[in-house]
């Protein structure tokens, strides 16, 4: 008898319990995702899928450790295993991820509650590090799949067939109309990205903007663009945290920044609003990813993509940010389906550039961002996440408009 046969004879009895254990875990996991009609398959080709309908796709788990991780902590391990190539999706990634998202809709799990309780406050230092982790990956990376203005927030598709560029400009104009910006007014923007909205407000509405950001890459790009467009006398891009904003302004605007504040510092943002929004004639707009009910962000997204992020409910924003600052909500709009469409555009562009991204950043990075974009689109398509625009004024002020008609009037020469 050859040595290999001797080894097999001794190890075969030990392998049998392991295979039984694998099948038991697989059955348990398949049962959990049964409503998604997604087939679970193990590394040896076996599958516990027994539903009469054909699966819409398959999740292939390539090793036992990944299988155990999906049982113990699916929120974290699904992303980590996919990112590392230890889990594969057969079929359309977006379709499978959306089906899995729908199948797992429900109240927060005990793991989420524990993670929420252990959330670390975003101090000035942590906040800067968190932002730089995500946004300072290099402008070249974002230029490969965002629109020409590098707008990394939800667009507004007045017409579903609009291009991404046109829809982002429509979003800018909707924000300006909601704020009723007038020439010569002062605006402060908290978290300005690559500067496109600040420049649009100054160029199209004649306002003066102070835009705050802590991303070095974004600020360098924004300042270069302002200089190139001759807008440095109207827009001042400032390398500083929103908590350090001082002075009084006619309007406060934040698009995509509230998600980075964190629950522990809502009082800080509230103090800023009380301090900087002019009590007579002042107003503001918060545009942010939110939820219908409080719960922490997905564990994998928070750890690998957006450290320190939190998507609040409307109630949390109303009671912990606006009410303590003496602000009154005058308009709320939910644009979640617009964000799903925005993400569909981003995913298509990312797919066209995936080879270049993989070559520069590595396969793990490229797979992580594939999953992040697909998961985000699924979250907005299913209602797991919301996209809120909230307009507010000091409580002693009158609302900005009698009806919504002027906010949604057909675009005129502004566009």
Protein backbone atom coordinates (compact mmCIF):
# COMPACT_ATOMS: atom_id res chain seq x y z
CA UNK A 1 0.00 0.00 0.00
CA UNK A 2 1.36 3.44 -0.97
CA UNK A 3 1.91 6.11 1.69
CA UNK A 4 -0.88 8.32 0.32
CA UNK A 5 -3.34 5.44 0.58
CA UNK A 6 -2.26 4.82 4.18
CA UNK A 7 -2.84 8.50 5.03
CA UNK A 8 -6.28 8.43 3.37
CA UNK A 9 -7.21 5.31 5.32
CA UNK A 10 -6.42 7.01 8.61
CA UNK A 11 -7.95 10.45 7.81
CA UNK A 12 -11.16 9.31 6.14
CA UNK A 13 -12.94 8.61 9.47
CA UNK A 14 -11.93 12.08 10.65
CA UNK A 15 -13.19 13.76 7.48
CA UNK A 16 -16.68 12.31 7.75
CA UNK A 17 -17.71 14.31 10.86
CA UNK A 18 -16.30 17.46 9.23
CA UNK A 19 -18.40 16.86 6.11
CA UNK A 20 -21.49 16.29 8.24
CA UNK A 21 -20.75 19.52 10.09
CA UNK A 22 -20.33 21.39 6.78
CA UNK A 23 -23.69 20.11 5.51
CA UNK A 24 -25.41 21.07 8.76
CA UNK A 25 -24.07 24.62 8.56
CA UNK A 26 -24.97 24.85 4.88
CA UNK A 27 -28.56 23.76 5.53
CA UNK A 28 -28.87 26.32 8.29
CA UNK A 29 -27.52 29.10 6.08
CA UNK A 30 -29.64 28.08 3.09
CA UNK A 31 -32.72 28.18 5.31
CA UNK A 32 -31.87 31.76 6.35
CA UNK A 33 -31.66 32.99 2.75
CA UNK A 34 -34.50 30.85 1.38
CA UNK A 35 -36.81 33.84 0.62
CA UNK A 36 -34.16 35.20 -1.76
CA UNK A 37 -34.25 32.11 -4.01
CA UNK A 38 -30.45 32.16 -4.02
CA UNK A 39 -28.63 28.82 -4.12
CA UNK A 40 -25.89 28.15 -1.60
CA UNK A 41 -23.07 25.96 -2.89
CA UNK A 42 -20.04 24.61 -1.06
CA UNK A 43 -16.49 24.20 -2.32
CA UNK A 44 -17.09 20.55 -3.23
CA UNK A 45 -20.08 21.36 -5.47
CA UNK A 46 -22.74 20.20 -2.99
CA UNK A 47 -25.76 22.35 -2.19
CA UNK A 48 -28.72 22.13 0.22
CA UNK A 49 -30.92 24.15 -2.17
CA UNK A 50 -34.22 22.32 -2.47
CA UNK A 51 -36.71 25.00 -3.51
CA UNK A 52 -38.91 24.13 -6.50
CA UNK A 53 -38.21 27.39 -8.30
CA UNK A 54 -34.95 27.90 -10.17
CA UNK A 55 -32.45 30.05 -8.24
CA UNK A 56 -31.79 33.60 -9.44
CA UNK A 57 -28.10 33.07 -8.70
CA UNK A 58 -25.70 31.25 -6.44
CA UNK A 59 -23.42 32.03 -3.52
CA UNK A 60 -20.35 29.79 -3.71
CA UNK A 61 -18.51 29.40 -0.38
CA UNK A 62 -14.96 28.26 -1.02
CA UNK A 63 -13.76 27.14 2.43
CA UNK A 64 -15.00 26.02 5.83
CA UNK A 65 -13.77 29.09 7.70
CA UNK A 66 -15.82 31.35 5.43
CA UNK A 67 -18.88 29.14 5.96
CA UNK A 68 -18.52 29.32 9.74
CA UNK A 69 -18.02 33.10 9.52
CA UNK A 70 -21.28 33.48 7.58
CA UNK A 71 -23.11 31.68 10.37
CA UNK A 72 -21.44 33.55 13.23
CA UNK A 73 -21.47 37.10 11.79
CA UNK A 74 -22.96 37.34 8.29
CA UNK A 75 -23.00 41.16 8.23
CA UNK A 76 -19.21 41.24 8.47
CA UNK A 77 -18.13 37.95 6.93
CA UNK A 78 -20.12 38.13 3.69
CA UNK A 79 -18.23 41.26 2.67
CA UNK A 80 -14.86 40.09 3.93
CA UNK A 81 -15.17 36.68 2.23
CA UNK A 82 -16.28 38.23 -1.08
CA UNK A 83 -13.51 40.83 -0.88
CA UNK A 84 -10.87 38.10 -0.32
CA UNK A 85 -12.18 35.82 -3.07
CA UNK A 86 -13.33 33.19 -0.56
CA UNK A 87 -16.93 33.66 -1.65
CA UNK A 88 -18.16 34.07 -5.22
CA UNK A 89 -21.44 35.19 -6.72
CA UNK A 90 -22.70 33.31 -9.76
CA UNK A 91 -25.25 35.30 -11.68
CA UNK A 92 -25.70 39.07 -11.71
CA UNK A 93 -24.11 40.55 -8.58
CA UNK A 94 -26.68 43.32 -8.24
CA UNK A 95 -29.66 40.96 -8.60
CA UNK A 96 -28.30 38.49 -6.04
CA UNK A 97 -27.35 41.18 -3.52
CA UNK A 98 -30.75 42.88 -3.81
CA UNK A 99 -32.54 39.55 -3.30
CA UNK A 100 -30.43 38.80 -0.23
CA UNK A 101 -31.11 42.32 1.09
CA UNK A 102 -34.88 41.86 0.75
CA UNK A 103 -34.66 38.46 2.42
CA UNK A 104 -32.88 39.87 5.46
CA UNK A 105 -35.05 42.95 6.07
CA UNK A 106 -36.10 43.00 9.69
CA UNK A 107 -35.46 44.54 13.10
CA UNK A 108 -31.89 45.06 14.35
CA UNK A 109 -30.11 41.92 15.50
CA UNK A 110 -28.39 41.60 18.86
CA UNK A 111 -25.04 42.00 17.07
CA UNK A 112 -26.15 45.35 15.65
CA UNK A 113 -27.33 46.53 19.06
CA UNK A 114 -24.00 45.61 20.63
CA UNK A 115 -22.06 47.34 17.86
CA UNK A 116 -24.23 50.42 18.22
CA UNK A 117 -23.57 50.53 21.96
CA UNK A 118 -19.82 50.27 21.36
CA UNK A 119 -19.72 52.99 18.69
CA UNK A 120 -16.68 55.21 19.09
CA UNK A 121 -17.31 58.97 19.06
CA UNK A 122 -15.93 60.85 16.04
CA UNK A 123 -13.44 63.18 17.71
CA UNK A 124 -11.76 65.82 15.56
CA UNK A 125 -8.81 63.50 14.96
CA UNK A 126 -10.89 60.39 14.30
CA UNK A 127 -13.23 62.28 11.99
CA UNK A 128 -10.33 63.49 9.84
CA UNK A 129 -8.85 59.98 9.67
CA UNK A 130 -12.23 58.47 8.78
CA UNK A 131 -12.81 60.91 5.94
CA UNK A 132 -9.31 60.48 4.58
CA UNK A 133 -9.69 56.67 4.68
CA UNK A 134 -12.51 56.91 2.16
CA UNK A 135 -11.99 60.09 0.16
CA UNK A 136 -8.21 60.33 -0.10
CA UNK A 137 -7.85 57.21 -2.23
CA UNK A 138 -6.71 59.43 -5.09
CA UNK A 139 -8.83 61.64 -7.32
CA UNK A 140 -7.92 59.42 -10.28
CA UNK A 141 -9.90 56.57 -8.71
CA UNK A 142 -13.11 58.58 -8.43
CA UNK A 143 -12.64 60.18 -11.84
CA UNK A 144 -12.98 56.75 -13.42
CA UNK A 145 -16.60 56.27 -12.38
CA UNK A 146 -18.16 59.49 -11.05
CA UNK A 147 -19.52 62.23 -13.32
CA UNK A 148 -17.31 64.91 -14.82
CA UNK A 149 -17.78 67.19 -11.77
CA UNK A 150 -16.85 64.43 -9.28
CA UNK A 151 -20.17 64.57 -7.43
CA UNK A 152 -20.35 61.72 -4.93
CA UNK A 153 -23.91 62.18 -3.65
CA UNK A 154 -27.42 61.34 -4.84
CA UNK A 155 -28.44 62.93 -8.14
CA UNK A 156 -31.94 64.21 -8.95
CA UNK A 157 -33.51 62.64 -12.04
CA UNK A 158 -36.28 65.01 -13.05
CA UNK A 159 -36.50 62.81 -16.15
CA UNK A 160 -35.55 59.15 -15.60
CA UNK A 161 -33.63 59.22 -18.88
CA UNK A 162 -31.35 62.10 -17.86
CA UNK A 163 -27.62 61.60 -18.01
CA UNK A 164 -25.81 61.39 -14.69
CA UNK A 165 -24.18 64.77 -15.34
CA UNK A 166 -27.54 66.43 -16.04
CA UNK A 167 -29.11 64.81 -12.98
CA UNK A 168 -26.33 66.06 -10.70
CA UNK A 169 -26.80 69.61 -11.99
CA UNK A 170 -30.55 69.21 -11.44
CA UNK A 171 -29.80 68.22 -7.83
CA UNK A 172 -27.66 71.34 -7.37
CA UNK A 173 -30.43 73.52 -8.69
CA UNK A 174 -33.07 71.82 -6.55
CA UNK A 175 -30.96 72.52 -3.46
CA UNK A 176 -30.55 76.17 -4.47
CA UNK A 177 -34.28 76.59 -5.15
CA UNK A 178 -35.20 75.00 -1.84
CA UNK A 179 -32.89 77.48 -0.10
CA UNK A 180 -34.15 80.39 -2.23
CA UNK A 181 -30.62 81.68 -2.67
CA UNK A 182 -30.29 85.32 -3.72
CA UNK A 183 -27.30 87.18 -5.22
CA UNK A 184 -24.91 88.55 -2.62
CA UNK A 185 -25.98 86.21 0.19
CA UNK A 186 -23.51 84.25 2.29
CA UNK A 187 -23.56 80.45 2.39
CA UNK A 188 -21.59 77.99 4.50
CA UNK A 189 -21.23 74.43 3.22
CA UNK A 190 -20.17 71.68 5.63
CA UNK A 191 -18.41 68.86 3.81
CA UNK A 192 -17.99 70.17 0.26
CA UNK A 193 -16.52 67.14 -1.54
CA UNK A 194 -14.67 68.16 -4.69
CA UNK A 195 -16.36 71.56 -4.64
CA UNK A 196 -18.95 71.23 -7.39
CA UNK A 197 -21.98 72.45 -5.40
CA UNK A 198 -20.11 75.40 -3.86
CA UNK A 199 -18.96 76.53 -7.30
CA UNK A 200 -22.44 76.02 -8.77
CA UNK A 201 -24.09 78.12 -6.03
CA UNK A 202 -21.60 80.93 -6.55
CA UNK A 203 -21.67 80.80 -10.34
CA UNK A 204 -25.41 80.37 -10.94
CA UNK A 205 -26.88 82.18 -7.94
CA UNK A 206 -24.26 84.84 -7.19
CA UNK A 207 -23.72 83.91 -3.55
CA UNK A 208 -20.48 83.90 -1.54
CA UNK A 209 -19.57 80.46 -0.17
CA UNK A 210 -17.30 79.23 2.59
CA UNK A 211 -16.89 75.48 2.07
CA UNK A 212 -15.38 73.28 4.80
CA UNK A 213 -13.71 69.90 4.28
CA UNK A 214 -10.98 67.75 5.89
CA UNK A 215 -10.04 65.69 2.81
CA UNK A 216 -6.71 66.87 1.41
CA UNK A 217 -7.30 65.32 -2.02
CA UNK A 218 -10.73 66.88 -2.42
CA UNK A 219 -9.66 70.31 -1.22
CA UNK A 220 -6.67 70.46 -3.54
CA UNK A 221 -8.91 69.60 -6.49
CA UNK A 222 -11.61 72.10 -5.45
CA UNK A 223 -9.12 74.94 -5.01
CA UNK A 224 -7.52 74.27 -8.37
CA UNK A 225 -10.91 74.27 -10.02
CA UNK A 226 -11.95 77.52 -8.32
CA UNK A 227 -8.74 79.16 -9.49
CA UNK A 228 -9.19 77.84 -13.04
CA UNK A 229 -12.79 79.15 -13.18
CA UNK A 230 -11.89 82.52 -11.64
CA UNK A 231 -14.12 81.91 -8.62
CA UNK A 232 -11.64 82.38 -5.76
CA UNK A 233 -13.27 85.72 -4.88
CA UNK A 234 -16.64 84.00 -4.38
CA UNK A 235 -15.75 80.56 -2.98
CA UNK A 236 -13.34 79.92 -0.13
CA UNK A 237 -12.42 76.25 0.38
CA UNK A 238 -11.31 75.78 4.00
CA UNK A 239 -9.34 72.84 5.42
CA UNK A 240 -11.18 72.47 8.71
CA UNK A 241 -13.86 70.50 10.55
CA UNK A 242 -17.50 71.61 10.52
CA UNK A 243 -17.30 72.08 14.30
CA UNK A 244 -14.96 75.02 13.78
CA UNK A 245 -17.33 77.05 11.59
CA UNK A 246 -17.86 80.57 12.94
CA UNK A 247 -19.63 83.68 11.80
CA UNK A 248 -23.22 84.23 10.65
CA UNK A 249 -24.58 83.11 7.29
CA UNK A 250 -27.78 83.45 5.32
CA UNK A 251 -27.80 79.75 4.49
CA UNK A 252 -26.26 76.54 5.79
CA UNK A 253 -26.03 73.53 3.48
CA UNK A 254 -24.71 70.04 4.00
CA UNK A 255 -24.93 67.41 1.25
CA UNK A 256 -23.65 63.98 2.25
CA UNK A 257 -21.82 65.09 5.39
CA UNK A 258 -24.28 64.30 8.19
CA UNK A 259 -23.57 60.56 7.76
CA UNK A 260 -20.02 61.23 9.01
CA UNK A 261 -20.98 63.16 12.14
CA UNK A 262 -21.98 60.20 14.32
CA UNK A 263 -24.64 60.13 17.03
CA UNK A 264 -22.25 61.19 19.76
CA UNK A 265 -21.62 64.53 18.05
CA UNK A 266 -25.10 65.56 16.97
CA UNK A 267 -24.99 68.10 19.78
CA UNK A 268 -21.86 69.59 18.11
CA UNK A 269 -23.66 70.05 14.81
CA UNK A 270 -26.65 71.48 16.65
CA UNK A 271 -24.43 74.06 18.34
CA UNK A 272 -22.96 75.01 14.96
CA UNK A 273 -26.42 75.59 13.48
CA UNK A 274 -27.49 77.72 16.43
CA UNK A 275 -24.28 79.75 16.11
CA UNK A 276 -24.03 80.32 12.35
CA UNK A 277 -27.57 80.41 10.85
CA UNK A 278 -28.81 83.98 10.84
CA UNK A 279 -31.89 84.20 13.07
CA UNK A 280 -33.63 86.62 10.73
CA UNK A 281 -33.94 85.30 7.20
CA UNK A 282 -31.54 82.40 7.77
CA UNK A 283 -32.26 78.87 6.55
CA UNK A 284 -30.57 75.57 5.93
CA UNK A 285 -30.71 72.24 4.13
CA UNK A 286 -29.47 68.80 5.19
CA UNK A 287 -29.17 66.17 2.46
CA UNK A 288 -28.26 62.80 4.00
CA UNK A 289 -28.55 59.03 3.88
CA UNK A 290 -30.98 57.96 6.57
CA UNK A 291 -33.21 55.20 7.90
CA UNK A 292 -36.84 54.82 8.89
CA UNK A 293 -35.78 53.61 12.35
CA UNK A 294 -32.49 53.85 14.26
CA UNK A 295 -29.90 51.10 13.70
CA UNK A 296 -26.14 50.97 13.08
CA UNK A 297 -24.65 50.93 9.61
CA UNK A 298 -23.79 47.52 8.14
CA UNK A 299 -20.74 46.20 10.01
CA UNK A 300 -18.67 45.46 6.91
CA UNK A 301 -19.41 48.80 5.27
CA UNK A 302 -18.49 50.61 8.46
CA UNK A 303 -15.26 48.66 8.93
CA UNK A 304 -13.96 48.50 5.36
CA UNK A 305 -15.54 51.41 3.49
CA UNK A 306 -16.98 54.14 5.75
CA UNK A 307 -15.41 54.04 9.23
CA UNK A 308 -17.27 56.15 11.75
CA UNK A 309 -20.39 56.50 9.59
CA UNK A 310 -23.96 56.47 10.86
CA UNK A 311 -27.18 56.92 8.87
CA UNK A 312 -29.76 58.55 11.19
CA UNK A 313 -33.51 58.38 11.27
CA UNK A 314 -35.55 61.53 10.68
CA UNK A 315 -36.56 61.48 14.33
CA UNK A 316 -32.91 61.51 15.44
CA UNK A 317 -32.14 64.48 13.21
CA UNK A 318 -35.25 66.35 14.32
CA UNK A 319 -34.81 65.80 18.06
CA UNK A 320 -31.02 65.70 18.42
CA UNK A 321 -29.83 68.17 15.78
CA UNK A 322 -32.52 70.64 14.74
CA UNK A 323 -34.75 71.09 17.80
CA UNK A 324 -31.85 71.79 20.22
CA UNK A 325 -30.49 74.40 17.79
CA UNK A 326 -33.81 76.23 17.73
CA UNK A 327 -34.60 75.19 14.15
CA UNK A 328 -37.99 74.31 12.69
CA UNK A 329 -38.40 71.82 9.82
CA UNK A 330 -40.34 73.31 6.91
CA UNK A 331 -39.89 70.64 4.23
CA UNK A 332 -38.86 66.98 3.98
CA UNK A 333 -38.38 64.97 0.79
CA UNK A 334 -37.27 61.37 0.33
CA UNK A 335 -35.20 60.76 -2.82
CA UNK A 336 -34.18 57.14 -2.18
CA UNK A 337 -35.13 55.87 -5.63
CA UNK A 338 -33.07 58.68 -7.15
CA UNK A 339 -30.10 57.34 -5.20
CA UNK A 340 -30.75 53.81 -6.46
CA UNK A 341 -30.64 55.17 -10.02
CA UNK A 342 -27.51 57.21 -9.24
CA UNK A 343 -25.81 54.06 -7.99
CA UNK A 344 -26.85 52.17 -11.10
CA UNK A 345 -24.95 54.77 -13.15
CA UNK A 346 -21.92 54.55 -10.86
CA UNK A 347 -21.89 50.75 -11.01
CA UNK A 348 -22.00 50.76 -14.80
CA UNK A 349 -19.09 53.19 -14.99
CA UNK A 350 -17.16 51.28 -12.32
CA UNK A 351 -17.67 48.10 -14.32
CA UNK A 352 -16.21 49.75 -17.40
CA UNK A 353 -13.10 50.70 -15.40
CA UNK A 354 -12.75 47.58 -13.23
CA UNK A 355 -9.66 46.26 -15.03
CA UNK A 356 -7.77 49.51 -14.55
CA UNK A 357 -8.90 49.73 -10.92
CA UNK A 358 -7.85 46.14 -10.25
CA UNK A 359 -4.47 46.71 -11.87
CA UNK A 360 -3.76 49.78 -9.73
CA UNK A 361 -5.39 48.94 -6.39
CA UNK A 362 -5.52 45.14 -6.37
CA UNK A 363 -8.24 42.52 -6.76
CA UNK A 364 -9.40 42.69 -3.12
CA UNK A 365 -9.96 46.45 -3.34
CA UNK A 366 -11.81 46.18 -6.64
CA UNK A 367 -14.08 43.39 -5.35
CA UNK A 368 -14.79 45.33 -2.14
CA UNK A 369 -15.97 48.36 -4.10
CA UNK A 370 -17.99 46.20 -6.48
CA UNK A 371 -19.86 44.81 -3.50
CA UNK A 372 -20.17 48.17 -1.75
CA UNK A 373 -21.79 49.81 -4.78
CA UNK A 374 -24.08 46.83 -5.45
CA UNK A 375 -25.08 46.66 -1.79
CA UNK A 376 -25.76 50.39 -1.66
CA UNK A 377 -27.98 50.23 -4.74
CA UNK A 378 -29.86 47.32 -3.19
CA UNK A 379 -30.29 49.22 0.09
CA UNK A 380 -32.02 52.14 -1.63
CA UNK A 381 -34.02 49.97 -4.04
CA UNK A 382 -35.48 47.93 -1.19
CA UNK A 383 -36.05 50.79 1.25
CA UNK A 384 -33.37 49.52 3.62
CA UNK A 385 -31.87 53.02 3.32
CA UNK A 386 -33.47 56.39 2.62
CA UNK A 387 -32.18 59.65 1.17
CA UNK A 388 -33.65 62.67 2.94
CA UNK A 389 -33.54 66.37 2.11
CA UNK A 390 -34.65 68.47 5.08
CA UNK A 391 -35.13 72.24 4.86
CA UNK A 392 -35.20 74.20 8.12
CA UNK A 393 -35.39 77.76 9.43
CA UNK A 394 -35.03 79.35 12.88
CA UNK A 395 -38.26 78.60 14.70
CA UNK A 396 -39.19 82.29 14.94
CA UNK A 397 -39.00 82.62 11.12
CA UNK A 398 -41.75 82.04 8.58
CA UNK A 399 -41.41 79.12 6.12
CA UNK A 400 -39.57 79.95 2.92
CA UNK A 401 -42.52 79.30 0.59
CA UNK A 402 -46.29 79.11 0.67
CA UNK A 403 -46.43 75.92 -1.44
CA UNK A 404 -43.90 73.57 -3.00
CA UNK A 405 -44.76 74.71 -6.52
CA UNK A 406 -41.82 77.07 -6.96
CA UNK A 407 -39.35 74.43 -5.78
CA UNK A 408 -40.41 72.08 -8.55
CA UNK A 409 -41.12 74.57 -11.28
CA UNK A 410 -39.60 73.68 -14.63
CA UNK A 411 -35.97 74.72 -14.73
CA UNK A 412 -35.38 78.02 -16.38
CA UNK A 413 -32.16 79.73 -17.38
CA UNK A 414 -30.55 78.61 -14.14
CA UNK A 415 -29.66 75.24 -15.66
